[in-house]
Amino acid sequence: MSFEEEYQDVLHNIESAIVMYYREHPDLIDAEVEAGLEWLSKYYSAQAQGKTSSYRKPKGNSAQVASAVKVVCDWRLEREKLSATDEKGNRVELDIDSKTPSEIVACLKRIKSSIKLWTKKGGRQGYLNFVKQYIPSEATLVKKEKKNPLGALLGLFKIQ
């Protein structure tokens, strides 16, 4: 099984948060996303080693992307809870496979390599324009209502 197949759900969750931010901020460029993911990689790498991160947080769009992606990563690490409502209005807990900080770092690095590839192929927003075609636009609408990346991601999951 390839890395992408094994971690498809985590990669999709992270990229959904990135695309949701991009749709609200069309001036975002690949380099800003990469800077945000680089900071998160260092942050979670330090945690995987039992240390605290001493790296300076990014600023501007990079900081906002990092913040949105961090919420998703913390959810995948089971540090954040996400409850949903089924079609009948009943509350349900979403079951996820918990990940380790090392696995999150590997996913962030995989996305960073994708950013490099698509920036070369498509310019300053090559990655963003490539990946947004795979994220349903309904997610953006949910985010505007909820103002919460996890709540917005919930819009991507249909609980039956």
N, C-alpha and C. Protein backbone atom coordinates (compact mmCIF):
# COMPACT_ATOMS: atom_id res chain seq x y z
N MET A 1 0.85 -1.18 0.00
CA MET A 1 0.00 0.00 0.00
C MET A 1 0.90 1.25 0.00
N SER A 2 0.59 2.20 -0.87
CA SER A 2 1.40 3.41 -0.95
C SER A 2 1.08 4.34 0.22
N PHE A 3 1.98 5.29 0.45
CA PHE A 3 1.79 6.27 1.52
C PHE A 3 0.47 7.00 1.33
N GLU A 4 0.22 7.43 0.08
CA GLU A 4 -1.00 8.19 -0.22
C GLU A 4 -2.25 7.37 0.07
N GLU A 5 -2.21 6.08 -0.21
CA GLU A 5 -3.36 5.22 0.07
C GLU A 5 -3.55 5.03 1.57
N GLU A 6 -2.45 4.82 2.28
CA GLU A 6 -2.54 4.57 3.71
C GLU A 6 -3.04 5.78 4.48
N TYR A 7 -2.64 6.97 4.04
CA TYR A 7 -2.98 8.20 4.76
C TYR A 7 -3.92 9.10 3.97
N GLN A 8 -4.67 8.53 3.06
CA GLN A 8 -5.56 9.31 2.21
C GLN A 8 -6.52 10.19 3.02
N ASP A 9 -7.08 9.64 4.08
CA ASP A 9 -8.03 10.40 4.89
C ASP A 9 -7.37 11.60 5.57
N VAL A 10 -6.18 11.41 6.10
CA VAL A 10 -5.48 12.51 6.78
C VAL A 10 -5.06 13.57 5.77
N LEU A 11 -4.50 13.13 4.65
CA LEU A 11 -4.10 14.08 3.61
C LEU A 11 -5.30 14.88 3.12
N HIS A 12 -6.42 14.21 2.94
CA HIS A 12 -7.64 14.91 2.49
C HIS A 12 -8.12 15.91 3.53
N ASN A 13 -8.08 15.52 4.80
CA ASN A 13 -8.50 16.45 5.86
C ASN A 13 -7.64 17.70 5.87
N ILE A 14 -6.33 17.52 5.79
CA ILE A 14 -5.40 18.66 5.82
C ILE A 14 -5.61 19.53 4.58
N GLU A 15 -5.70 18.90 3.42
CA GLU A 15 -5.86 19.68 2.20
C GLU A 15 -7.22 20.37 2.15
N SER A 16 -8.22 19.80 2.78
CA SER A 16 -9.53 20.47 2.85
C SER A 16 -9.43 21.77 3.63
N ALA A 17 -8.72 21.75 4.74
CA ALA A 17 -8.54 22.98 5.53
C ALA A 17 -7.80 24.04 4.72
N ILE A 18 -6.79 23.62 3.97
CA ILE A 18 -6.02 24.55 3.14
C ILE A 18 -6.92 25.16 2.06
N VAL A 19 -7.69 24.33 1.38
CA VAL A 19 -8.55 24.81 0.30
C VAL A 19 -9.67 25.70 0.83
N MET A 20 -10.22 25.37 1.98
CA MET A 20 -11.25 26.24 2.55
C MET A 20 -10.69 27.63 2.80
N TYR A 21 -9.49 27.72 3.32
CA TYR A 21 -8.88 29.03 3.55
C TYR A 21 -8.61 29.72 2.21
N TYR A 22 -8.12 28.98 1.23
CA TYR A 22 -7.84 29.55 -0.09
C TYR A 22 -9.10 30.12 -0.74
N ARG A 23 -10.20 29.44 -0.62
CA ARG A 23 -11.44 29.93 -1.24
C ARG A 23 -11.90 31.23 -0.61
N GLU A 24 -11.58 31.43 0.65
CA GLU A 24 -11.93 32.69 1.31
C GLU A 24 -10.87 33.77 1.10
N HIS A 25 -9.66 33.36 0.74
CA HIS A 25 -8.53 34.28 0.56
C HIS A 25 -7.83 33.94 -0.76
N PRO A 26 -8.43 34.35 -1.89
CA PRO A 26 -7.88 33.96 -3.20
C PRO A 26 -6.50 34.53 -3.50
N ASP A 27 -6.00 35.43 -2.66
CA ASP A 27 -4.65 35.96 -2.84
C ASP A 27 -3.59 35.05 -2.23
N LEU A 28 -4.00 34.01 -1.53
CA LEU A 28 -3.07 33.05 -0.93
C LEU A 28 -2.20 32.43 -2.01
N ILE A 29 -0.93 32.25 -1.71
CA ILE A 29 -0.02 31.60 -2.67
C ILE A 29 0.59 30.35 -2.04
N ASP A 30 1.09 29.50 -2.90
CA ASP A 30 1.67 28.22 -2.47
C ASP A 30 2.76 28.41 -1.41
N ALA A 31 3.61 29.41 -1.58
CA ALA A 31 4.73 29.64 -0.65
C ALA A 31 4.22 29.91 0.76
N GLU A 32 3.08 30.58 0.88
CA GLU A 32 2.51 30.85 2.21
C GLU A 32 1.99 29.56 2.85
N VAL A 33 1.39 28.71 2.04
CA VAL A 33 0.93 27.41 2.54
C VAL A 33 2.13 26.58 2.99
N GLU A 34 3.16 26.56 2.16
CA GLU A 34 4.35 25.79 2.48
C GLU A 34 4.99 26.28 3.78
N ALA A 35 5.04 27.59 3.98
CA ALA A 35 5.62 28.14 5.22
C ALA A 35 4.80 27.73 6.44
N GLY A 36 3.49 27.75 6.32
CA GLY A 36 2.63 27.31 7.42
C GLY A 36 2.82 25.84 7.75
N LEU A 37 2.92 25.01 6.70
CA LEU A 37 3.11 23.58 6.91
C LEU A 37 4.51 23.28 7.45
N GLU A 38 5.49 24.07 7.05
CA GLU A 38 6.85 23.90 7.57
C GLU A 38 6.88 24.14 9.07
N TRP A 39 6.21 25.20 9.52
CA TRP A 39 6.15 25.48 10.96
C TRP A 39 5.47 24.33 11.69
N LEU A 40 4.35 23.84 11.14
CA LEU A 40 3.65 22.73 11.77
C LEU A 40 4.52 21.47 11.80
N SER A 41 5.27 21.21 10.75
CA SER A 41 6.17 20.05 10.73
C SER A 41 7.17 20.13 11.88
N LYS A 42 7.75 21.30 12.07
CA LYS A 42 8.71 21.49 13.16
C LYS A 42 8.02 21.36 14.53
N TYR A 43 6.83 21.91 14.62
CA TYR A 43 6.05 21.86 15.87
C TYR A 43 5.76 20.41 16.26
N TYR A 44 5.23 19.62 15.33
CA TYR A 44 4.89 18.23 15.63
C TYR A 44 6.12 17.34 15.72
N SER A 45 7.19 17.66 15.00
CA SER A 45 8.45 16.91 15.13
C SER A 45 9.00 17.06 16.54
N ALA A 46 8.98 18.27 17.06
CA ALA A 46 9.44 18.50 18.43
C ALA A 46 8.59 17.70 19.41
N GLN A 47 7.28 17.69 19.21
CA GLN A 47 6.40 16.92 20.09
C GLN A 47 6.70 15.43 20.01
N ALA A 48 6.97 14.93 18.82
CA ALA A 48 7.28 13.50 18.64
C ALA A 48 8.54 13.12 19.41
N GLN A 49 9.43 14.10 19.62
CA GLN A 49 10.67 13.86 20.37
C GLN A 49 10.53 14.22 21.84
N GLY A 50 9.31 14.57 22.26
CA GLY A 50 9.08 14.93 23.65
C GLY A 50 9.58 16.31 24.02
N LYS A 51 9.73 17.17 23.04
CA LYS A 51 10.24 18.53 23.27
C LYS A 51 9.14 19.53 22.96
N THR A 52 9.39 20.77 23.31
CA THR A 52 8.49 21.84 22.91
C THR A 52 9.14 22.59 21.75
N SER A 53 8.32 23.08 20.87
CA SER A 53 8.83 23.77 19.69
C SER A 53 9.25 25.18 20.05
N SER A 54 10.43 25.56 19.62
CA SER A 54 10.91 26.92 19.88
C SER A 54 10.96 27.73 18.58
N TYR A 55 10.35 27.20 17.53
CA TYR A 55 10.38 27.89 16.25
C TYR A 55 9.38 29.03 16.24
N ARG A 56 9.77 30.11 15.59
CA ARG A 56 8.92 31.29 15.51
C ARG A 56 7.72 31.00 14.62
N LYS A 57 6.53 31.37 15.12
CA LYS A 57 5.31 31.16 14.35
C LYS A 57 5.32 32.05 13.11
N PRO A 58 4.74 31.53 12.03
CA PRO A 58 4.66 32.37 10.82
C PRO A 58 3.67 33.52 11.03
N LYS A 59 3.66 34.43 10.08
CA LYS A 59 2.76 35.58 10.15
C LYS A 59 1.85 35.60 8.93
N GLY A 60 0.83 36.42 8.98
CA GLY A 60 -0.07 36.63 7.85
C GLY A 60 -0.81 35.38 7.43
N ASN A 61 -0.95 35.22 6.11
CA ASN A 61 -1.67 34.06 5.58
C ASN A 61 -1.05 32.74 6.02
N SER A 62 0.26 32.69 6.13
CA SER A 62 0.93 31.45 6.57
C SER A 62 0.46 31.06 7.96
N ALA A 63 0.33 32.04 8.84
CA ALA A 63 -0.12 31.77 10.21
C ALA A 63 -1.57 31.29 10.22
N GLN A 64 -2.40 31.88 9.36
CA GLN A 64 -3.81 31.48 9.31
C GLN A 64 -3.97 30.06 8.76
N VAL A 65 -3.19 29.74 7.74
CA VAL A 65 -3.22 28.38 7.20
C VAL A 65 -2.74 27.40 8.27
N ALA A 66 -1.64 27.74 8.94
CA ALA A 66 -1.11 26.87 9.99
C ALA A 66 -2.14 26.65 11.09
N SER A 67 -2.84 27.69 11.46
CA SER A 67 -3.86 27.59 12.51
C SER A 67 -5.00 26.66 12.09
N ALA A 68 -5.48 26.82 10.87
CA ALA A 68 -6.58 25.97 10.39
C ALA A 68 -6.13 24.51 10.28
N VAL A 69 -4.93 24.29 9.76
CA VAL A 69 -4.43 22.93 9.60
C VAL A 69 -4.13 22.30 10.96
N LYS A 70 -3.66 23.11 11.91
CA LYS A 70 -3.36 22.61 13.26
C LYS A 70 -4.61 22.04 13.92
N VAL A 71 -5.73 22.70 13.75
CA VAL A 71 -6.99 22.20 14.32
C VAL A 71 -7.29 20.81 13.77
N VAL A 72 -7.11 20.65 12.47
CA VAL A 72 -7.37 19.36 11.82
C VAL A 72 -6.38 18.31 12.33
N CYS A 73 -5.11 18.69 12.41
CA CYS A 73 -4.09 17.74 12.89
C CYS A 73 -4.36 17.33 14.34
N ASP A 74 -4.73 18.29 15.16
CA ASP A 74 -5.04 17.98 16.56
C ASP A 74 -6.25 17.06 16.66
N TRP A 75 -7.20 17.23 15.76
CA TRP A 75 -8.36 16.32 15.73
C TRP A 75 -7.88 14.91 15.38
N ARG A 76 -6.98 14.80 14.39
CA ARG A 76 -6.47 13.49 13.98
C ARG A 76 -5.60 12.87 15.08
N LEU A 77 -5.03 13.70 15.94
CA LEU A 77 -4.26 13.22 17.08
C LEU A 77 -5.16 12.94 18.29
N GLU A 78 -6.46 13.15 18.11
CA GLU A 78 -7.50 13.00 19.14
C GLU A 78 -7.31 13.97 20.30
N ARG A 79 -6.82 15.16 19.98
CA ARG A 79 -6.72 16.24 20.97
C ARG A 79 -7.93 17.15 20.88
N GLU A 80 -8.64 17.05 19.78
CA GLU A 80 -9.88 17.80 19.54
C GLU A 80 -10.98 16.80 19.31
N LYS A 81 -12.16 17.10 19.80
CA LYS A 81 -13.32 16.23 19.57
C LYS A 81 -14.20 16.86 18.49
N LEU A 82 -14.80 16.02 17.71
CA LEU A 82 -15.71 16.48 16.67
C LEU A 82 -16.98 15.65 16.76
N SER A 83 -18.06 16.33 17.10
CA SER A 83 -19.33 15.62 17.10
C SER A 83 -20.13 16.11 15.91
N ALA A 84 -20.98 15.25 15.44
CA ALA A 84 -21.78 15.56 14.25
C ALA A 84 -23.23 15.31 14.56
N THR A 85 -24.07 15.70 13.63
CA THR A 85 -25.49 15.45 13.73
C THR A 85 -25.88 14.62 12.52
N ASP A 86 -26.60 13.53 12.77
CA ASP A 86 -27.05 12.72 11.64
C ASP A 86 -28.25 13.39 11.00
N GLU A 87 -28.80 12.77 9.96
CA GLU A 87 -29.91 13.39 9.21
C GLU A 87 -31.17 13.54 10.06
N LYS A 88 -31.26 12.79 11.16
CA LYS A 88 -32.42 12.90 12.07
C LYS A 88 -32.20 13.91 13.18
N GLY A 89 -31.01 14.53 13.21
CA GLY A 89 -30.72 15.52 14.23
C GLY A 89 -30.09 14.96 15.50
N ASN A 90 -29.78 13.68 15.50
CA ASN A 90 -29.16 13.06 16.68
C ASN A 90 -27.65 13.30 16.66
N ARG A 91 -27.09 13.58 17.85
CA ARG A 91 -25.65 13.78 17.95
C ARG A 91 -24.93 12.44 17.84
N VAL A 92 -23.85 12.44 17.06
CA VAL A 92 -23.01 11.25 16.92
C VAL A 92 -21.55 11.68 17.01
N GLU A 93 -20.73 10.80 17.52
CA GLU A 93 -19.29 11.05 17.54
C GLU A 93 -18.69 10.44 16.29
N LEU A 94 -17.80 11.17 15.65
CA LEU A 94 -17.14 10.65 14.47
C LEU A 94 -15.95 9.80 14.90
N ASP A 95 -15.91 8.59 14.41
CA ASP A 95 -14.81 7.68 14.71
C ASP A 95 -13.67 7.94 13.75
N ILE A 96 -12.49 8.12 14.29
CA ILE A 96 -11.31 8.27 13.44
C ILE A 96 -10.21 7.37 13.96
N ASP A 97 -9.28 7.06 13.09
CA ASP A 97 -8.08 6.34 13.52
C ASP A 97 -7.11 7.38 14.03
N SER A 98 -6.77 7.27 15.31
CA SER A 98 -5.83 8.21 15.90
C SER A 98 -4.46 8.09 15.24
N LYS A 99 -3.81 9.21 15.06
CA LYS A 99 -2.47 9.24 14.46
C LYS A 99 -1.46 9.74 15.48
N THR A 100 -0.21 9.47 15.22
CA THR A 100 0.88 9.95 16.08
C THR A 100 1.44 11.25 15.50
N PRO A 101 2.14 12.03 16.33
CA PRO A 101 2.78 13.24 15.78
C PRO A 101 3.71 12.91 14.60
N SER A 102 4.42 11.78 14.66
CA SER A 102 5.31 11.39 13.56
C SER A 102 4.53 11.15 12.27
N GLU A 103 3.36 10.54 12.38
CA GLU A 103 2.53 10.31 11.19
C GLU A 103 2.02 11.62 10.62
N ILE A 104 1.65 12.54 11.49
CA ILE A 104 1.18 13.86 11.04
C ILE A 104 2.31 14.58 10.31
N VAL A 105 3.52 14.52 10.87
CA VAL A 105 4.69 15.14 10.22
C VAL A 105 4.91 14.54 8.83
N ALA A 106 4.80 13.23 8.72
CA ALA A 106 4.99 12.58 7.42
C ALA A 106 3.94 13.08 6.41
N CYS A 107 2.71 13.24 6.86
CA CYS A 107 1.65 13.75 5.97
C CYS A 107 1.93 15.20 5.57
N LEU A 108 2.36 16.02 6.51
CA LEU A 108 2.68 17.41 6.19
C LEU A 108 3.84 17.47 5.20
N LYS A 109 4.83 16.62 5.37
CA LYS A 109 5.96 16.60 4.43
C LYS A 109 5.52 16.15 3.05
N ARG A 110 4.61 15.20 2.99
CA ARG A 110 4.10 14.74 1.69
C ARG A 110 3.37 15.87 0.97
N ILE A 111 2.58 16.62 1.70
CA ILE A 111 1.86 17.75 1.10
C ILE A 111 2.86 18.84 0.66
N LYS A 112 3.89 19.08 1.47
CA LYS A 112 4.90 20.06 1.07
C LYS A 112 5.60 19.66 -0.22
N SER A 113 5.86 18.37 -0.41
CA SER A 113 6.49 17.94 -1.67
C SER A 113 5.53 18.12 -2.84
N SER A 114 4.24 17.93 -2.58
CA SER A 114 3.23 18.17 -3.62
C SER A 114 3.17 19.66 -3.97
N ILE A 115 3.30 20.50 -2.97
CA ILE A 115 3.31 21.95 -3.22
C ILE A 115 4.47 22.31 -4.14
N LYS A 116 5.64 21.78 -3.86
CA LYS A 116 6.82 22.07 -4.70
C LYS A 116 6.58 21.64 -6.14
N LEU A 117 6.05 20.43 -6.31
CA LEU A 117 5.79 19.90 -7.65
C LEU A 117 4.81 20.79 -8.41
N TRP A 118 3.67 21.09 -7.81
CA TRP A 118 2.62 21.83 -8.51
C TRP A 118 2.94 23.31 -8.66
N THR A 119 3.77 23.85 -7.79
CA THR A 119 4.22 25.24 -7.97
C THR A 119 5.11 25.32 -9.20
N LYS A 120 5.99 24.33 -9.38
CA LYS A 120 6.84 24.30 -10.57
C LYS A 120 6.00 24.18 -11.84
N LYS A 121 4.97 23.34 -11.78
CA LYS A 121 4.13 23.11 -12.97
C LYS A 121 3.17 24.25 -13.25
N GLY A 122 2.63 24.87 -12.18
CA GLY A 122 1.55 25.83 -12.38
C GLY A 122 1.74 27.22 -11.84
N GLY A 123 2.93 27.52 -11.35
CA GLY A 123 3.18 28.88 -10.86
C GLY A 123 2.81 29.07 -9.40
N ARG A 124 2.70 30.33 -9.01
CA ARG A 124 2.53 30.73 -7.60
C ARG A 124 1.34 30.08 -6.89
N GLN A 125 0.31 29.74 -7.64
CA GLN A 125 -0.86 29.09 -7.06
C GLN A 125 -1.12 27.73 -7.71
N GLY A 126 -0.08 27.15 -8.26
CA GLY A 126 -0.22 25.88 -8.96
C GLY A 126 -0.78 24.77 -8.07
N TYR A 127 -0.23 24.64 -6.87
CA TYR A 127 -0.71 23.61 -5.95
C TYR A 127 -2.16 23.89 -5.54
N LEU A 128 -2.43 25.12 -5.16
CA LEU A 128 -3.78 25.47 -4.69
C LEU A 128 -4.82 25.24 -5.77
N ASN A 129 -4.51 25.62 -6.99
CA ASN A 129 -5.46 25.41 -8.08
C ASN A 129 -5.61 23.94 -8.43
N PHE A 130 -4.55 23.17 -8.27
CA PHE A 130 -4.64 21.74 -8.51
C PHE A 130 -5.51 21.07 -7.46
N VAL A 131 -5.22 21.31 -6.20
CA VAL A 131 -5.88 20.56 -5.13
C VAL A 131 -7.34 20.99 -4.92
N LYS A 132 -7.67 22.23 -5.23
CA LYS A 132 -9.04 22.69 -4.97
C LYS A 132 -10.08 21.95 -5.80
N GLN A 133 -9.67 21.37 -6.92
CA GLN A 133 -10.63 20.64 -7.75
C GLN A 133 -11.07 19.34 -7.09
N TYR A 134 -10.36 18.90 -6.06
CA TYR A 134 -10.69 17.65 -5.37
C TYR A 134 -11.43 17.86 -4.05
N ILE A 135 -11.66 19.13 -3.67
CA ILE A 135 -12.35 19.45 -2.42
C ILE A 135 -13.69 20.08 -2.77
N PRO A 136 -14.80 19.46 -2.33
CA PRO A 136 -16.12 20.00 -2.66
C PRO A 136 -16.29 21.44 -2.20
N SER A 137 -16.89 22.25 -3.04
CA SER A 137 -17.07 23.67 -2.69
C SER A 137 -18.07 23.86 -1.56
N GLU A 138 -18.90 22.87 -1.26
CA GLU A 138 -19.85 22.97 -0.14
C GLU A 138 -19.11 23.20 1.17
N ALA A 139 -17.90 22.72 1.27
CA ALA A 139 -17.13 22.88 2.51
C ALA A 139 -16.93 24.35 2.84
N THR A 140 -16.73 25.18 1.83
CA THR A 140 -16.54 26.61 2.07
C THR A 140 -17.81 27.22 2.64
N LEU A 141 -18.96 26.82 2.14
CA LEU A 141 -20.22 27.35 2.65
C LEU A 141 -20.41 26.99 4.11
N VAL A 142 -20.09 25.77 4.49
CA VAL A 142 -20.24 25.35 5.87
C VAL A 142 -19.30 26.16 6.76
N LYS A 143 -18.09 26.40 6.31
CA LYS A 143 -17.12 27.14 7.11
C LYS A 143 -17.63 28.54 7.41
N LYS A 144 -18.22 29.19 6.41
CA LYS A 144 -18.72 30.54 6.63
C LYS A 144 -19.81 30.56 7.70
N GLU A 145 -20.60 29.51 7.74
CA GLU A 145 -21.65 29.43 8.75
C GLU A 145 -21.07 29.12 10.12
N LYS A 146 -20.13 28.20 10.20
CA LYS A 146 -19.63 27.69 11.48
C LYS A 146 -18.41 28.46 12.00
N LYS A 147 -17.60 29.03 11.12
CA LYS A 147 -16.36 29.70 11.50
C LYS A 147 -15.46 28.77 12.31
N ASN A 148 -15.45 27.50 11.95
CA ASN A 148 -14.67 26.51 12.67
C ASN A 148 -14.19 25.46 11.66
N PRO A 149 -12.87 25.29 11.52
CA PRO A 149 -12.39 24.33 10.53
C PRO A 149 -12.93 22.92 10.73
N LEU A 150 -13.08 22.48 11.96
CA LEU A 150 -13.61 21.14 12.18
C LEU A 150 -15.08 21.08 11.80
N GLY A 151 -15.82 22.13 12.13
CA GLY A 151 -17.22 22.17 11.73
C GLY A 151 -17.37 22.19 10.23
N ALA A 152 -16.46 22.90 9.58
CA ALA A 152 -16.49 22.96 8.12
C ALA A 152 -16.17 21.60 7.52
N LEU A 153 -15.18 20.92 8.09
CA LEU A 153 -14.85 19.58 7.59
C LEU A 153 -16.02 18.64 7.75
N LEU A 154 -16.79 18.86 8.79
CA LEU A 154 -17.96 18.02 9.02
C LEU A 154 -18.90 18.07 7.83
N GLY A 155 -18.93 19.22 7.16
CA GLY A 155 -19.77 19.35 5.98
C GLY A 155 -19.35 18.43 4.86
N LEU A 156 -18.14 17.92 4.91
CA LEU A 156 -17.65 17.01 3.89
C LEU A 156 -18.11 15.58 4.15
N PHE A 157 -18.53 15.31 5.38
CA PHE A 157 -18.92 13.95 5.75
C PHE A 157 -20.42 13.87 5.86
N LYS A 158 -21.01 12.94 5.19
CA LYS A 158 -22.44 12.74 5.26
C LYS A 158 -22.70 11.56 6.20
N ILE A 159 -23.27 11.85 7.34
CA ILE A 159 -23.58 10.81 8.31
C ILE A 159 -24.96 10.25 7.96
N GLN A 160 -25.03 8.96 7.74
CA GLN A 160 -26.30 8.33 7.39
C GLN A 160 -26.93 7.69 8.60
